[in-house]
Amino acid sequence: TELPETKFLLFGDKEQLRNLIPANQISDQLGVVATTEVIA
């Protein structure tokens, strides 16, 4: 909301991330890239 000229791409488990992000927040400014592994 403070950085309207910036896009945020979240990389991770698609289902977990979509459950945390309100549907109306997914936009050109906020996206999810699905991945299947995590480095511990």
Full PDB file with SEQRES, HELIX, SHEET, SSBOND, CRYST1, ORIGX, SCALE, CONECT and MASTER records, all heavy atoms in Angstrom:
SEQRES   1 A   40  THR GLU LEU PRO GLU THR LYS PHE LEU LEU PHE GLY ASP          
SEQRES   2 A   40  LYS GLU GLN LEU ARG ASN LEU ILE PRO ALA ASN GLN ILE          
SEQRES   3 A   40  SER ASP GLN LEU GLY VAL VAL ALA THR THR GLU VAL ILE          
SEQRES   4 A   40  ALA                                                          
HELIX    1 AA1 LYS A   14  LEU A   20  1                                   7    
HELIX    2 AA2 ALA A   23  GLN A   25  5                                   3    
SHEET    1 AA1 2 PHE A   8  GLY A  12  0                                        
SHEET    2 AA1 2 LEU A  30  ALA A  34  1                                        
CRYST1    1.000    1.000    1.000  90.00  90.00  90.00 P 1           1          
ORIGX1      1.000000  0.000000  0.000000        0.00000                         
ORIGX2      0.000000  1.000000  0.000000        0.00000                         
ORIGX3      0.000000  0.000000  1.000000        0.00000                         
SCALE1      1.000000  0.000000  0.000000        0.00000                         
SCALE2      0.000000  1.000000  0.000000        0.00000                         
SCALE3      0.000000  0.000000  1.000000        0.00000                         
ATOM      1  N   THR A   1       0.829  -1.209   0.000  1.00  0.00           N  
ATOM      2  CA  THR A   1       0.000   0.000   0.000  1.00  0.00           C  
ATOM      3  C   THR A   1       0.863   1.259   0.000  1.00  0.00           C  
ATOM      4  O   THR A   1       0.439   2.304  -0.485  1.00  0.00           O  
ATOM      5  CB  THR A   1      -0.924   0.017   1.229  1.00  0.00           C  
ATOM      6  OG1 THR A   1      -0.139   0.045   2.423  1.00  0.00           O  
ATOM      7  CG2 THR A   1      -1.825  -1.203   1.251  1.00  0.00           C  
ATOM      8  N   GLU A   2       2.088   1.160   0.527  1.00  0.00           N  
ATOM      9  CA  GLU A   2       2.996   2.308   0.598  1.00  0.00           C  
ATOM     10  C   GLU A   2       3.925   2.392  -0.603  1.00  0.00           C  
ATOM     11  O   GLU A   2       4.553   3.424  -0.835  1.00  0.00           O  
ATOM     12  CB  GLU A   2       3.824   2.239   1.877  1.00  0.00           C  
ATOM     13  CG  GLU A   2       2.991   2.285   3.150  1.00  0.00           C  
ATOM     14  CD  GLU A   2       3.851   2.244   4.389  1.00  0.00           C  
ATOM     15  OE1 GLU A   2       5.026   2.667   4.309  1.00  0.00           O  
ATOM     16  OE2 GLU A   2       3.362   1.790   5.436  1.00  0.00           O  
ATOM     17  N   LEU A   3       4.038   1.278  -1.333  1.00  0.00           N  
ATOM     18  CA  LEU A   3       4.959   1.222  -2.472  1.00  0.00           C  
ATOM     19  C   LEU A   3       4.192   0.841  -3.733  1.00  0.00           C  
ATOM     20  O   LEU A   3       4.347  -0.264  -4.277  1.00  0.00           O  
ATOM     21  CB  LEU A   3       6.073   0.206  -2.190  1.00  0.00           C  
ATOM     22  CG  LEU A   3       6.885   0.430  -0.903  1.00  0.00           C  
ATOM     23  CD1 LEU A   3       7.803  -0.759  -0.634  1.00  0.00           C  
ATOM     24  CD2 LEU A   3       7.684   1.727  -0.983  1.00  0.00           C  
ATOM     25  N   PRO A   4       3.362   1.742  -4.242  1.00  0.00           N  
ATOM     26  CA  PRO A   4       2.498   1.412  -5.383  1.00  0.00           C  
ATOM     27  C   PRO A   4       3.244   1.145  -6.677  1.00  0.00           C  
ATOM     28  O   PRO A   4       2.685   0.552  -7.602  1.00  0.00           O  
ATOM     29  CB  PRO A   4       1.600   2.649  -5.505  1.00  0.00           C  
ATOM     30  CG  PRO A   4       2.387   3.760  -4.889  1.00  0.00           C  
ATOM     31  CD  PRO A   4       3.154   3.125  -3.770  1.00  0.00           C  
ATOM     32  N   GLU A   5       4.515   1.550  -6.762  1.00  0.00           N  
ATOM     33  CA  GLU A   5       5.300   1.332  -7.978  1.00  0.00           C  
ATOM     34  C   GLU A   5       6.107   0.052  -7.911  1.00  0.00           C  
ATOM     35  O   GLU A   5       6.964  -0.193  -8.768  1.00  0.00           O  
ATOM     36  CB  GLU A   5       6.248   2.522  -8.197  1.00  0.00           C  
ATOM     37  CG  GLU A   5       5.541   3.845  -8.393  1.00  0.00           C  
ATOM     38  CD  GLU A   5       4.604   3.816  -9.600  1.00  0.00           C  
ATOM     39  OE1 GLU A   5       5.011   3.278 -10.651  1.00  0.00           O  
ATOM     40  OE2 GLU A   5       3.471   4.323  -9.485  1.00  0.00           O  
ATOM     41  N   THR A   6       5.849  -0.774  -6.893  1.00  0.00           N  
ATOM     42  CA  THR A   6       6.638  -1.983  -6.693  1.00  0.00           C  
ATOM     43  C   THR A   6       5.764  -3.232  -6.773  1.00  0.00           C  
ATOM     44  O   THR A   6       4.669  -3.262  -6.210  1.00  0.00           O  
ATOM     45  CB  THR A   6       7.339  -1.943  -5.321  1.00  0.00           C  
ATOM     46  OG1 THR A   6       8.159  -0.773  -5.253  1.00  0.00           O  
ATOM     47  CG2 THR A   6       8.206  -3.179  -5.103  1.00  0.00           C  
ATOM     48  N   LYS A   7       6.268  -4.249  -7.470  1.00  0.00           N  
ATOM     49  CA  LYS A   7       5.580  -5.532  -7.560  1.00  0.00           C  
ATOM     50  C   LYS A   7       6.254  -6.532  -6.631  1.00  0.00           C  
ATOM     51  O   LYS A   7       7.485  -6.596  -6.556  1.00  0.00           O  
ATOM     52  CB  LYS A   7       5.615  -6.058  -9.002  1.00  0.00           C  
ATOM     53  CG  LYS A   7       4.879  -7.383  -9.187  1.00  0.00           C  
ATOM     54  CD  LYS A   7       4.856  -7.793 -10.658  1.00  0.00           C  
ATOM     55  CE  LYS A   7       4.061  -9.074 -10.856  1.00  0.00           C  
ATOM     56  NZ  LYS A   7       3.968  -9.457 -12.282  1.00  0.00           N  
ATOM     57  N   PHE A   8       5.441  -7.321  -5.931  1.00  0.00           N  
ATOM     58  CA  PHE A   8       5.943  -8.308  -4.993  1.00  0.00           C  
ATOM     59  C   PHE A   8       5.594  -9.704  -5.520  1.00  0.00           C  
ATOM     60  O   PHE A   8       4.417 -10.028  -5.690  1.00  0.00           O  
ATOM     61  CB  PHE A   8       5.323  -8.102  -3.614  1.00  0.00           C  
ATOM     62  CG  PHE A   8       5.575  -6.732  -3.045  1.00  0.00           C  
ATOM     63  CD1 PHE A   8       4.702  -5.681  -3.328  1.00  0.00           C  
ATOM     64  CD2 PHE A   8       6.687  -6.479  -2.257  1.00  0.00           C  
ATOM     65  CE1 PHE A   8       4.929  -4.417  -2.812  1.00  0.00           C  
ATOM     66  CE2 PHE A   8       6.925  -5.214  -1.743  1.00  0.00           C  
ATOM     67  CZ  PHE A   8       6.049  -4.174  -2.026  1.00  0.00           C  
ATOM     68  N   LEU A   9       6.621 -10.515  -5.770  1.00  0.00           N  
ATOM     69  CA  LEU A   9       6.417 -11.885  -6.227  1.00  0.00           C  
ATOM     70  C   LEU A   9       6.781 -12.836  -5.094  1.00  0.00           C  
ATOM     71  O   LEU A   9       7.944 -12.894  -4.665  1.00  0.00           O  
ATOM     72  CB  LEU A   9       7.288 -12.181  -7.448  1.00  0.00           C  
ATOM     73  CG  LEU A   9       6.814 -11.644  -8.807  1.00  0.00           C  
ATOM     74  CD1 LEU A   9       7.830 -12.031  -9.886  1.00  0.00           C  
ATOM     75  CD2 LEU A   9       5.440 -12.188  -9.153  1.00  0.00           C  
ATOM     76  N   LEU A  10       5.795 -13.580  -4.612  1.00  0.00           N  
ATOM     77  CA  LEU A  10       6.000 -14.525  -3.521  1.00  0.00           C  
ATOM     78  C   LEU A  10       6.218 -15.925  -4.087  1.00  0.00           C  
ATOM     79  O   LEU A  10       5.365 -16.446  -4.814  1.00  0.00           O  
ATOM     80  CB  LEU A  10       4.788 -14.520  -2.598  1.00  0.00           C  
ATOM     81  CG  LEU A  10       4.547 -13.219  -1.824  1.00  0.00           C  
ATOM     82  CD1 LEU A  10       3.166 -13.218  -1.201  1.00  0.00           C  
ATOM     83  CD2 LEU A  10       5.613 -13.032  -0.759  1.00  0.00           C  
ATOM     84  N   PHE A  11       7.351 -16.523  -3.734  1.00  0.00           N  
ATOM     85  CA  PHE A  11       7.695 -17.860  -4.209  1.00  0.00           C  
ATOM     86  C   PHE A  11       7.476 -18.862  -3.079  1.00  0.00           C  
ATOM     87  O   PHE A  11       8.007 -18.689  -1.978  1.00  0.00           O  
ATOM     88  CB  PHE A  11       9.163 -17.909  -4.661  1.00  0.00           C  
ATOM     89  CG  PHE A  11       9.434 -17.136  -5.913  1.00  0.00           C  
ATOM     90  CD1 PHE A  11       9.473 -15.740  -5.893  1.00  0.00           C  
ATOM     91  CD2 PHE A  11       9.642 -17.792  -7.124  1.00  0.00           C  
ATOM     92  CE1 PHE A  11       9.722 -15.023  -7.050  1.00  0.00           C  
ATOM     93  CE2 PHE A  11       9.890 -17.072  -8.283  1.00  0.00           C  
ATOM     94  CZ  PHE A  11       9.923 -15.685  -8.249  1.00  0.00           C  
ATOM     95  N   GLY A  12       6.672 -19.917  -3.355  1.00  0.00           N  
ATOM     96  CA  GLY A  12       6.436 -20.905  -2.325  1.00  0.00           C  
ATOM     97  C   GLY A  12       5.249 -21.784  -2.619  1.00  0.00           C  
ATOM     98  O   GLY A  12       4.780 -21.870  -3.768  1.00  0.00           O  
ATOM     99  N   ASP A  13       4.764 -22.431  -1.578  1.00  0.00           N  
ATOM    100  CA  ASP A  13       3.630 -23.332  -1.697  1.00  0.00           C  
ATOM    101  C   ASP A  13       2.381 -22.538  -2.086  1.00  0.00           C  
ATOM    102  O   ASP A  13       1.909 -21.696  -1.329  1.00  0.00           O  
ATOM    103  CB  ASP A  13       3.409 -24.049  -0.369  1.00  0.00           C  
ATOM    104  CG  ASP A  13       2.309 -25.082  -0.432  1.00  0.00           C  
ATOM    105  OD1 ASP A  13       1.128 -24.674  -0.403  1.00  0.00           O  
ATOM    106  OD2 ASP A  13       2.623 -26.277  -0.506  1.00  0.00           O  
ATOM    107  N   LYS A  14       1.866 -22.817  -3.270  1.00  0.00           N  
ATOM    108  CA  LYS A  14       0.757 -22.019  -3.823  1.00  0.00           C  
ATOM    109  C   LYS A  14      -0.474 -22.051  -2.928  1.00  0.00           C  
ATOM    110  O   LYS A  14      -1.101 -21.017  -2.683  1.00  0.00           O  
ATOM    111  CB  LYS A  14       0.401 -22.530  -5.223  1.00  0.00           C  
ATOM    112  CG  LYS A  14      -0.677 -21.706  -5.923  1.00  0.00           C  
ATOM    113  CD  LYS A  14      -0.902 -22.225  -7.339  1.00  0.00           C  
ATOM    114  CE  LYS A  14      -1.959 -21.400  -8.059  1.00  0.00           C  
ATOM    115  NZ  LYS A  14      -2.172 -21.907  -9.448  1.00  0.00           N  
ATOM    116  N   GLU A  15      -0.825 -23.227  -2.419  1.00  0.00           N  
ATOM    117  CA  GLU A  15      -2.029 -23.347  -1.600  1.00  0.00           C  
ATOM    118  C   GLU A  15      -1.904 -22.562  -0.300  1.00  0.00           C  
ATOM    119  O   GLU A  15      -2.824 -21.836   0.092  1.00  0.00           O  
ATOM    120  CB  GLU A  15      -2.318 -24.826  -1.300  1.00  0.00           C  
ATOM    121  CG  GLU A  15      -3.612 -25.036  -0.520  1.00  0.00           C  
ATOM    122  CD  GLU A  15      -3.927 -26.504  -0.327  1.00  0.00           C  
ATOM    123  OE1 GLU A  15      -3.240 -27.357  -0.928  1.00  0.00           O  
ATOM    124  OE2 GLU A  15      -4.856 -26.806   0.433  1.00  0.00           O  
ATOM    125  N   GLN A  16      -0.748 -22.690   0.360  1.00  0.00           N  
ATOM    126  CA  GLN A  16      -0.542 -21.948   1.609  1.00  0.00           C  
ATOM    127  C   GLN A  16      -0.620 -20.445   1.377  1.00  0.00           C  
ATOM    128  O   GLN A  16      -1.262 -19.716   2.139  1.00  0.00           O  
ATOM    129  CB  GLN A  16       0.815 -22.298   2.217  1.00  0.00           C  
ATOM    130  CG  GLN A  16       0.912 -23.646   2.861  1.00  0.00           C  
ATOM    131  CD  GLN A  16       2.216 -23.786   3.641  1.00  0.00           C  
ATOM    132  OE1 GLN A  16       2.492 -23.017   4.555  1.00  0.00           O  
ATOM    133  NE2 GLN A  16       3.013 -24.776   3.262  1.00  0.00           N  
ATOM    134  N   LEU A  17       0.028 -19.984   0.340  1.00  0.00           N  
ATOM    135  CA  LEU A  17       0.076 -18.540   0.079  1.00  0.00           C  
ATOM    136  C   LEU A  17      -1.298 -18.002  -0.320  1.00  0.00           C  
ATOM    137  O   LEU A  17      -1.713 -16.938   0.158  1.00  0.00           O  
ATOM    138  CB  LEU A  17       1.106 -18.246  -1.014  1.00  0.00           C  
ATOM    139  CG  LEU A  17       2.572 -18.500  -0.611  1.00  0.00           C  
ATOM    140  CD1 LEU A  17       3.493 -18.356  -1.805  1.00  0.00           C  
ATOM    141  CD2 LEU A  17       2.999 -17.548   0.505  1.00  0.00           C  
ATOM    142  N   ARG A  18      -2.010 -18.712  -1.163  1.00  0.00           N  
ATOM    143  CA  ARG A  18      -3.333 -18.243  -1.592  1.00  0.00           C  
ATOM    144  C   ARG A  18      -4.321 -18.216  -0.416  1.00  0.00           C  
ATOM    145  O   ARG A  18      -5.224 -17.372  -0.380  1.00  0.00           O  
ATOM    146  CB  ARG A  18      -3.867 -19.139  -2.705  1.00  0.00           C  
ATOM    147  CG  ARG A  18      -3.163 -18.912  -4.051  1.00  0.00           C  
ATOM    148  CD  ARG A  18      -3.370 -17.493  -4.545  1.00  0.00           C  
ATOM    149  NE  ARG A  18      -2.722 -17.224  -5.800  1.00  0.00           N  
ATOM    150  CZ  ARG A  18      -3.314 -17.300  -6.989  1.00  0.00           C  
ATOM    151  NH1 ARG A  18      -4.577 -17.662  -7.069  1.00  0.00           N  
ATOM    152  NH2 ARG A  18      -2.641 -17.018  -8.080  1.00  0.00           N  
ATOM    153  N   ASN A  19      -4.139 -19.120   0.555  1.00  0.00           N  
ATOM    154  CA  ASN A  19      -5.007 -19.117   1.731  1.00  0.00           C  
ATOM    155  C   ASN A  19      -4.738 -17.921   2.642  1.00  0.00           C  
ATOM    156  O   ASN A  19      -5.599 -17.512   3.417  1.00  0.00           O  
ATOM    157  CB  ASN A  19      -4.831 -20.412   2.535  1.00  0.00           C  
ATOM    158  CG  ASN A  19      -5.470 -21.607   1.852  1.00  0.00           C  
ATOM    159  OD1 ASN A  19      -6.370 -21.448   1.023  1.00  0.00           O  
ATOM    160  ND2 ASN A  19      -4.999 -22.799   2.174  1.00  0.00           N  
ATOM    161  N   LEU A  20      -3.537 -17.364   2.554  1.00  0.00           N  
ATOM    162  CA  LEU A  20      -3.155 -16.232   3.406  1.00  0.00           C  
ATOM    163  C   LEU A  20      -3.424 -14.882   2.744  1.00  0.00           C  
ATOM    164  O   LEU A  20      -3.538 -13.871   3.433  1.00  0.00           O  
ATOM    165  CB  LEU A  20      -1.668 -16.331   3.762  1.00  0.00           C  
ATOM    166  CG  LEU A  20      -1.260 -17.480   4.689  1.00  0.00           C  
ATOM    167  CD1 LEU A  20       0.258 -17.617   4.714  1.00  0.00           C  
ATOM    168  CD2 LEU A  20      -1.776 -17.223   6.105  1.00  0.00           C  
ATOM    169  N   ILE A  21      -3.513 -14.873   1.426  1.00  0.00           N  
ATOM    170  CA  ILE A  21      -3.690 -13.616   0.694  1.00  0.00           C  
ATOM    171  C   ILE A  21      -5.156 -13.457   0.311  1.00  0.00           C  
ATOM    172  O   ILE A  21      -5.720 -14.306  -0.391  1.00  0.00           O  
ATOM    173  CB  ILE A  21      -2.820 -13.598  -0.583  1.00  0.00           C  
ATOM    174  CG1 ILE A  21      -1.347 -13.808  -0.225  1.00  0.00           C  
ATOM    175  CG2 ILE A  21      -2.999 -12.274  -1.314  1.00  0.00           C  
ATOM    176  CD1 ILE A  21      -0.455 -14.010  -1.438  1.00  0.00           C  
ATOM    177  N   PRO A  22      -5.790 -12.369   0.756  1.00  0.00           N  
ATOM    178  CA  PRO A  22      -7.179 -12.136   0.338  1.00  0.00           C  
ATOM    179  C   PRO A  22      -7.294 -12.097  -1.183  1.00  0.00           C  
ATOM    180  O   PRO A  22      -6.402 -11.580  -1.872  1.00  0.00           O  
ATOM    181  CB  PRO A  22      -7.502 -10.763   0.953  1.00  0.00           C  
ATOM    182  CG  PRO A  22      -6.553 -10.629   2.097  1.00  0.00           C  
ATOM    183  CD  PRO A  22      -5.294 -11.333   1.671  1.00  0.00           C  
ATOM    184  N   ALA A  23      -8.367 -12.644  -1.708  1.00  0.00           N  
ATOM    185  CA  ALA A  23      -8.545 -12.753  -3.163  1.00  0.00           C  
ATOM    186  C   ALA A  23      -8.429 -11.407  -3.856  1.00  0.00           C  
ATOM    187  O   ALA A  23      -7.884 -11.307  -4.961  1.00  0.00           O  
ATOM    188  CB  ALA A  23      -9.890 -13.401  -3.468  1.00  0.00           C  
ATOM    189  N   ASN A  24      -8.911 -10.348  -3.211  1.00  0.00           N  
ATOM    190  CA  ASN A  24      -8.882  -9.029  -3.856  1.00  0.00           C  
ATOM    191  C   ASN A  24      -7.492  -8.389  -3.843  1.00  0.00           C  
ATOM    192  O   ASN A  24      -7.291  -7.309  -4.392  1.00  0.00           O  
ATOM    193  CB  ASN A  24      -9.901  -8.093  -3.197  1.00  0.00           C  
ATOM    194  CG  ASN A  24      -9.579  -7.816  -1.734  1.00  0.00           C  
ATOM    195  OD1 ASN A  24      -8.703  -8.450  -1.146  1.00  0.00           O  
ATOM    196  ND2 ASN A  24     -10.288  -6.873  -1.151  1.00  0.00           N  
ATOM    197  N   GLN A  25      -6.510  -9.057  -3.183  1.00  0.00           N  
ATOM    198  CA  GLN A  25      -5.157  -8.510  -3.136  1.00  0.00           C  
ATOM    199  C   GLN A  25      -4.265  -9.044  -4.259  1.00  0.00           C  
ATOM    200  O   GLN A  25      -3.212  -8.481  -4.536  1.00  0.00           O  
ATOM    201  CB  GLN A  25      -4.517  -8.828  -1.775  1.00  0.00           C  
ATOM    202  CG  GLN A  25      -5.156  -8.122  -0.595  1.00  0.00           C  
ATOM    203  CD  GLN A  25      -4.903  -6.631  -0.614  1.00  0.00           C  
ATOM    204  OE1 GLN A  25      -3.881  -6.165  -1.118  1.00  0.00           O  
ATOM    205  NE2 GLN A  25      -5.843  -5.862  -0.073  1.00  0.00           N  
ATOM    206  N   ILE A  26      -4.648 -10.158  -4.871  1.00  0.00           N  
ATOM    207  CA  ILE A  26      -3.879 -10.686  -6.002  1.00  0.00           C  
ATOM    208  C   ILE A  26      -4.098  -9.761  -7.196  1.00  0.00           C  
ATOM    209  O   ILE A  26      -5.223  -9.546  -7.643  1.00  0.00           O  
ATOM    210  CB  ILE A  26      -4.327 -12.116  -6.356  1.00  0.00           C  
ATOM    211  CG1 ILE A  26      -4.064 -13.057  -5.174  1.00  0.00           C  
ATOM    212  CG2 ILE A  26      -3.616 -12.611  -7.601  1.00  0.00           C  
ATOM    213  CD1 ILE A  26      -2.609 -13.292  -4.879  1.00  0.00           C  
ATOM    214  N   SER A  27      -3.014  -9.182  -7.688  1.00  0.00           N  
ATOM    215  CA  SER A  27      -3.132  -8.176  -8.750  1.00  0.00           C  
ATOM    216  C   SER A  27      -1.820  -8.080  -9.492  1.00  0.00           C  
ATOM    217  O   SER A  27      -0.906  -8.892  -9.289  1.00  0.00           O  
ATOM    218  CB  SER A  27      -3.475  -6.812  -8.132  1.00  0.00           C  
ATOM    219  OG  SER A  27      -2.398  -6.384  -7.293  1.00  0.00           O  
ATOM    220  N   ASP A  28      -1.719  -7.071 -10.349  1.00  0.00           N  
ATOM    221  CA  ASP A  28      -0.460  -6.835 -11.048  1.00  0.00           C  
ATOM    222  C   ASP A  28       0.660  -6.481 -10.082  1.00  0.00           C  
ATOM    223  O   ASP A  28       1.842  -6.588 -10.424  1.00  0.00           O  
ATOM    224  CB  ASP A  28      -0.636  -5.692 -12.051  1.00  0.00           C  
ATOM    225  CG  ASP A  28      -1.519  -6.079 -13.219  1.00  0.00           C  
ATOM    226  OD1 ASP A  28      -1.697  -7.295 -13.447  1.00  0.00           O  
ATOM    227  OD2 ASP A  28      -2.042  -5.171 -13.894  1.00  0.00           O  
ATOM    228  N   GLN A  29       0.292  -6.047  -8.871  1.00  0.00           N  
ATOM    229  CA  GLN A  29       1.300  -5.649  -7.886  1.00  0.00           C  
ATOM    230  C   GLN A  29       1.691  -6.788  -6.947  1.00  0.00           C  
ATOM    231  O   GLN A  29       2.709  -6.706  -6.261  1.00  0.00           O  
ATOM    232  CB  GLN A  29       0.776  -4.463  -7.055  1.00  0.00           C  
ATOM    233  CG  GLN A  29       1.887  -3.735  -6.307  1.00  0.00           C  
ATOM    234  CD  GLN A  29       1.350  -2.703  -5.338  1.00  0.00           C  
ATOM    235  OE1 GLN A  29       0.155  -2.450  -5.270  1.00  0.00           O  
ATOM    236  NE2 GLN A  29       2.250  -2.091  -4.566  1.00  0.00           N  
ATOM    237  N   LEU A  30       0.915  -7.849  -6.891  1.00  0.00           N  
ATOM    238  CA  LEU A  30       1.202  -8.961  -5.989  1.00  0.00           C  
ATOM    239  C   LEU A  30       0.890 -10.283  -6.674  1.00  0.00           C  
ATOM    240  O   LEU A  30      -0.248 -10.524  -7.088  1.00  0.00           O  
ATOM    241  CB  LEU A  30       0.367  -8.837  -4.707  1.00  0.00           C  
ATOM    242  CG  LEU A  30       0.468  -9.995  -3.700  1.00  0.00           C  
ATOM    243  CD1 LEU A  30       1.907 -10.208  -3.262  1.00  0.00           C  
ATOM    244  CD2 LEU A  30      -0.427  -9.724  -2.498  1.00  0.00           C  
ATOM    245  N   GLY A  31       1.904 -11.122  -6.803  1.00  0.00           N  
ATOM    246  CA  GLY A  31       1.709 -12.398  -7.464  1.00  0.00           C  
ATOM    247  C   GLY A  31       2.345 -13.544  -6.699  1.00  0.00           C  
ATOM    248  O   GLY A  31       3.158 -13.338  -5.797  1.00  0.00           O  
ATOM    249  N   VAL A  32       1.964 -14.754  -7.058  1.00  0.00           N  
ATOM    250  CA  VAL A  32       2.487 -15.968  -6.439  1.00  0.00           C  
ATOM    251  C   VAL A  32       3.104 -16.849  -7.524  1.00  0.00           C  
ATOM    252  O   VAL A  32       2.489 -17.073  -8.574  1.00  0.00           O  
ATOM    253  CB  VAL A  32       1.373 -16.743  -5.706  1.00  0.00           C  
ATOM    254  CG1 VAL A  32       1.876 -18.111  -5.240  1.00  0.00           C  
ATOM    255  CG2 VAL A  32       0.853 -15.937  -4.516  1.00  0.00           C  
ATOM    256  N   VAL A  33       4.312 -17.320  -7.258  1.00  0.00           N  
ATOM    257  CA  VAL A  33       4.971 -18.269  -8.145  1.00  0.00           C  
ATOM    258  C   VAL A  33       5.085 -19.590  -7.380  1.00  0.00           C  
ATOM    259  O   VAL A  33       5.756 -19.665  -6.342  1.00  0.00           O  
ATOM    260  CB  VAL A  33       6.363 -17.785  -8.580  1.00  0.00           C  
ATOM    261  CG1 VAL A  33       7.030 -18.822  -9.482  1.00  0.00           C  
ATOM    262  CG2 VAL A  33       6.266 -16.438  -9.297  1.00  0.00           C  
ATOM    263  N   ALA A  34       4.421 -20.626  -7.880  1.00  0.00           N  
ATOM    264  CA  ALA A  34       4.358 -21.898  -7.172  1.00  0.00           C  
ATOM    265  C   ALA A  34       5.692 -22.640  -7.231  1.00  0.00           C  
ATOM    266  O   ALA A  34       6.303 -22.778  -8.290  1.00  0.00           O  
ATOM    267  CB  ALA A  34       3.258 -22.767  -7.765  1.00  0.00           C  
ATOM    268  N   THR A  35       6.151 -23.118  -6.072  1.00  0.00           N  
ATOM    269  CA  THR A  35       7.339 -23.970  -5.985  1.00  0.00           C  
ATOM    270  C   THR A  35       6.999 -25.164  -5.094  1.00  0.00           C  
ATOM    271  O   THR A  35       6.051 -25.127  -4.317  1.00  0.00           O  
ATOM    272  CB  THR A  35       8.546 -23.208  -5.403  1.00  0.00           C  
ATOM    273  OG1 THR A  35       8.231 -22.750  -4.082  1.00  0.00           O  
ATOM    274  CG2 THR A  35       8.905 -22.020  -6.277  1.00  0.00           C  
ATOM    275  N   THR A  36       7.810 -26.210  -5.198  1.00  0.00           N  
ATOM    276  CA  THR A  36       7.479 -27.449  -4.491  1.00  0.00           C  
ATOM    277  C   THR A  36       8.487 -27.851  -3.427  1.00  0.00           C  
ATOM    278  O   THR A  36       8.279 -28.811  -2.697  1.00  0.00           O  
ATOM    279  CB  THR A  36       7.363 -28.605  -5.500  1.00  0.00           C  
ATOM    280  OG1 THR A  36       8.622 -28.752  -6.186  1.00  0.00           O  
ATOM    281  CG2 THR A  36       6.260 -28.333  -6.515  1.00  0.00           C  
ATOM    282  N   GLU A  37       9.600 -27.122  -3.315  1.00  0.00           N  
ATOM    283  CA  GLU A  37      10.649 -27.490  -2.355  1.00  0.00           C  
ATOM    284  C   GLU A  37      11.030 -26.299  -1.488  1.00  0.00           C  
ATOM    285  O   GLU A  37      10.821 -25.142  -1.860  1.00  0.00           O  
ATOM    286  CB  GLU A  37      11.888 -27.999  -3.091  1.00  0.00           C  
ATOM    287  CG  GLU A  37      11.661 -29.275  -3.890  1.00  0.00           C  
ATOM    288  CD  GLU A  37      12.903 -29.682  -4.662  1.00  0.00           C  
ATOM    289  OE1 GLU A  37      13.299 -28.937  -5.587  1.00  0.00           O  
ATOM    290  OE2 GLU A  37      13.474 -30.739  -4.335  1.00  0.00           O  
ATOM    291  N   VAL A  38      11.627 -26.623  -0.327  1.00  0.00           N  
ATOM    292  CA  VAL A  38      12.105 -25.594   0.597  1.00  0.00           C  
ATOM    293  C   VAL A  38      13.516 -25.966   1.039  1.00  0.00           C  
ATOM    294  O   VAL A  38      13.783 -27.128   1.376  1.00  0.00           O  
ATOM    295  CB  VAL A  38      11.191 -25.487   1.842  1.00  0.00           C  
ATOM    296  CG1 VAL A  38      11.761 -24.477   2.833  1.00  0.00           C  
ATOM    297  CG2 VAL A  38       9.775 -25.094   1.438  1.00  0.00           C  
ATOM    298  N   ILE A  39      14.419 -24.999   1.043  1.00  0.00           N  
ATOM    299  CA  ILE A  39      15.763 -25.222   1.578  1.00  0.00           C  
ATOM    300  C   ILE A  39      15.705 -25.012   3.089  1.00  0.00           C  
ATOM    301  O   ILE A  39      15.367 -23.924   3.559  1.00  0.00           O  
ATOM    302  CB  ILE A  39      16.783 -24.270   0.932  1.00  0.00           C  
ATOM    303  CG1 ILE A  39      16.934 -24.615  -0.559  1.00  0.00           C  
ATOM    304  CG2 ILE A  39      18.138 -24.369   1.635  1.00  0.00           C  
ATOM    305  CD1 ILE A  39      17.878 -23.697  -1.309  1.00  0.00           C  
ATOM    306  N   ALA A  40      16.029 -26.057   3.833  1.00  0.00           N  
ATOM    307  CA  ALA A  40      15.969 -25.996   5.297  1.00  0.00           C  
ATOM    308  C   ALA A  40      17.246 -25.389   5.872  1.00  0.00           C  
ATOM    309  O   ALA A  40      18.292 -25.354   5.205  1.00  0.00           O  
ATOM    310  CB  ALA A  40      15.755 -27.396   5.856  1.00  0.00           C  
TER     311      ALA A  40                                                      
MASTER        0    0    0    2    2    0    0    6  310    1    0    4          
END                                                                             
